[in-house]
Amino acid sequence: MSTDVAAAAIWRKSSRSNTEQECVEVAMLPTSIGIRDSKNPEGGHLPLDHTAFTGLLARVKAGTFDL
């Protein structure tokens, strides 16, 4: 994914984020959904296709990654 496309995307911060937590942002990109660290937006992003993103979101909501 072109850096220009990702830079022009509309990134949304997680509604569960606040200023004291690790935060993620997501954006709809032309061929994928991008995920990035809101504290380091220039650090790149992880592009996931819609199926992979839906699976990841389901696992997060189910608590699979809770520490």
C-alpha atoms as a PDB file:
ATOM      1  CA  MET A   1       0.000   0.000   0.000  1.00  0.00           C
ATOM      2  CA  SER A   2       1.332   3.353  -0.952  1.00  0.00           C
ATOM      3  CA  THR A   3       2.338   5.589   1.920  1.00  0.00           C
ATOM      4  CA  ASP A   4       0.490   8.430   0.160  1.00  0.00           C
ATOM      5  CA  VAL A   5      -2.779   6.464   0.184  1.00  0.00           C
ATOM      6  CA  ALA A   6      -2.381   5.579   3.872  1.00  0.00           C
ATOM      7  CA  ALA A   7      -1.501   9.187   4.727  1.00  0.00           C
ATOM      8  CA  ALA A   8      -4.629  10.432   2.944  1.00  0.00           C
ATOM      9  CA  ALA A   9      -6.868   7.867   4.660  1.00  0.00           C
ATOM     10  CA  ILE A  10      -9.255   8.874   7.439  1.00  0.00           C
ATOM     11  CA  TRP A  11      -7.889   7.151  10.550  1.00  0.00           C
ATOM     12  CA  ARG A  12     -10.219   6.521  13.503  1.00  0.00           C
ATOM     13  CA  LYS A  13      -8.994   5.878  17.035  1.00  0.00           C
ATOM     14  CA  SER A  14     -10.492   3.004  18.986  1.00  0.00           C
ATOM     15  CA  SER A  15     -13.398   4.071  21.180  1.00  0.00           C
ATOM     16  CA  ARG A  16     -11.761   2.131  24.020  1.00  0.00           C
ATOM     17  CA  SER A  17      -8.598   4.214  23.847  1.00  0.00           C
ATOM     18  CA  ASN A  18      -7.728   7.120  26.068  1.00  0.00           C
ATOM     19  CA  THR A  19      -4.641   9.257  26.559  1.00  0.00           C
ATOM     20  CA  GLU A  20      -3.074   6.842  29.066  1.00  0.00           C
ATOM     21  CA  GLN A  21      -3.421   3.553  27.155  1.00  0.00           C
ATOM     22  CA  GLU A  22      -1.894   1.947  24.122  1.00  0.00           C
ATOM     23  CA  CYS A  23      -4.061   3.111  21.239  1.00  0.00           C
ATOM     24  CA  VAL A  24      -4.787   1.786  17.800  1.00  0.00           C
ATOM     25  CA  GLU A  25      -6.319   3.455  14.788  1.00  0.00           C
ATOM     26  CA  VAL A  26      -8.055   1.878  11.804  1.00  0.00           C
ATOM     27  CA  ALA A  27      -8.829   3.170   8.315  1.00  0.00           C
ATOM     28  CA  MET A  28     -10.616   1.893   5.257  1.00  0.00           C
ATOM     29  CA  LEU A  29      -8.028   1.720   2.485  1.00  0.00           C
ATOM     30  CA  PRO A  30      -8.775   0.973  -1.192  1.00  0.00           C
ATOM     31  CA  THR A  31      -8.025  -2.759  -0.949  1.00  0.00           C
ATOM     32  CA  SER A  32      -7.718  -3.407   2.783  1.00  0.00           C
ATOM     33  CA  ILE A  33      -8.252  -2.139   6.304  1.00  0.00           C
ATOM     34  CA  GLY A  34      -5.211  -0.485   7.855  1.00  0.00           C
ATOM     35  CA  ILE A  35      -4.254  -0.746  11.528  1.00  0.00           C
ATOM     36  CA  ARG A  36      -1.599   1.484  13.111  1.00  0.00           C
ATOM     37  CA  ASP A  37      -0.290   2.736  16.444  1.00  0.00           C
ATOM     38  CA  SER A  38      -1.855   6.126  17.127  1.00  0.00           C
ATOM     39  CA  LYS A  39       1.226   7.259  19.027  1.00  0.00           C
ATOM     40  CA  ASN A  40       3.463   6.529  16.023  1.00  0.00           C
ATOM     41  CA  PRO A  41       1.399   7.182  12.877  1.00  0.00           C
ATOM     42  CA  GLU A  42       4.517   7.603  10.728  1.00  0.00           C
ATOM     43  CA  GLY A  43       5.693   4.127  11.777  1.00  0.00           C
ATOM     44  CA  GLY A  44       3.607   2.418   9.122  1.00  0.00           C
ATOM     45  CA  HIS A  45       0.483   0.321   9.240  1.00  0.00           C
ATOM     46  CA  LEU A  46      -0.627  -3.279   9.016  1.00  0.00           C
ATOM     47  CA  PRO A  47      -2.972  -3.870   6.068  1.00  0.00           C
ATOM     48  CA  LEU A  48      -5.523  -6.672   6.516  1.00  0.00           C
ATOM     49  CA  ASP A  49      -8.116  -7.857   4.036  1.00  0.00           C
ATOM     50  CA  HIS A  50     -11.722  -7.651   5.197  1.00  0.00           C
ATOM     51  CA  THR A  51     -11.920 -11.347   6.164  1.00  0.00           C
ATOM     52  CA  ALA A  52      -8.740 -11.211   8.248  1.00  0.00           C
ATOM     53  CA  PHE A  53      -9.834  -7.979   9.945  1.00  0.00           C
ATOM     54  CA  THR A  54     -13.257  -9.415  10.799  1.00  0.00           C
ATOM     55  CA  GLY A  55     -11.591 -12.501  12.292  1.00  0.00           C
ATOM     56  CA  LEU A  56      -9.149 -10.390  14.308  1.00  0.00           C
ATOM     57  CA  LEU A  57     -11.944  -8.180  15.608  1.00  0.00           C
ATOM     58  CA  ALA A  58     -13.993 -11.204  16.693  1.00  0.00           C
ATOM     59  CA  ARG A  59     -11.012 -12.640  18.595  1.00  0.00           C
ATOM     60  CA  VAL A  60     -10.305  -9.297  20.291  1.00  0.00           C
ATOM     61  CA  LYS A  61     -13.942  -8.961  21.368  1.00  0.00           C
ATOM     62  CA  ALA A  62     -13.896 -12.557  22.669  1.00  0.00           C
ATOM     63  CA  GLY A  63     -10.917 -11.734  24.894  1.00  0.00           C
ATOM     64  CA  THR A  64      -8.486 -14.071  23.129  1.00  0.00           C
ATOM     65  CA  PHE A  65      -5.653 -11.545  23.457  1.00  0.00           C
ATOM     66  CA  ASP A  66      -6.371 -10.302  26.988  1.00  0.00           C
ATOM     67  CA  LEU A  67      -3.350 -10.435  29.248  1.00  0.00           C
END
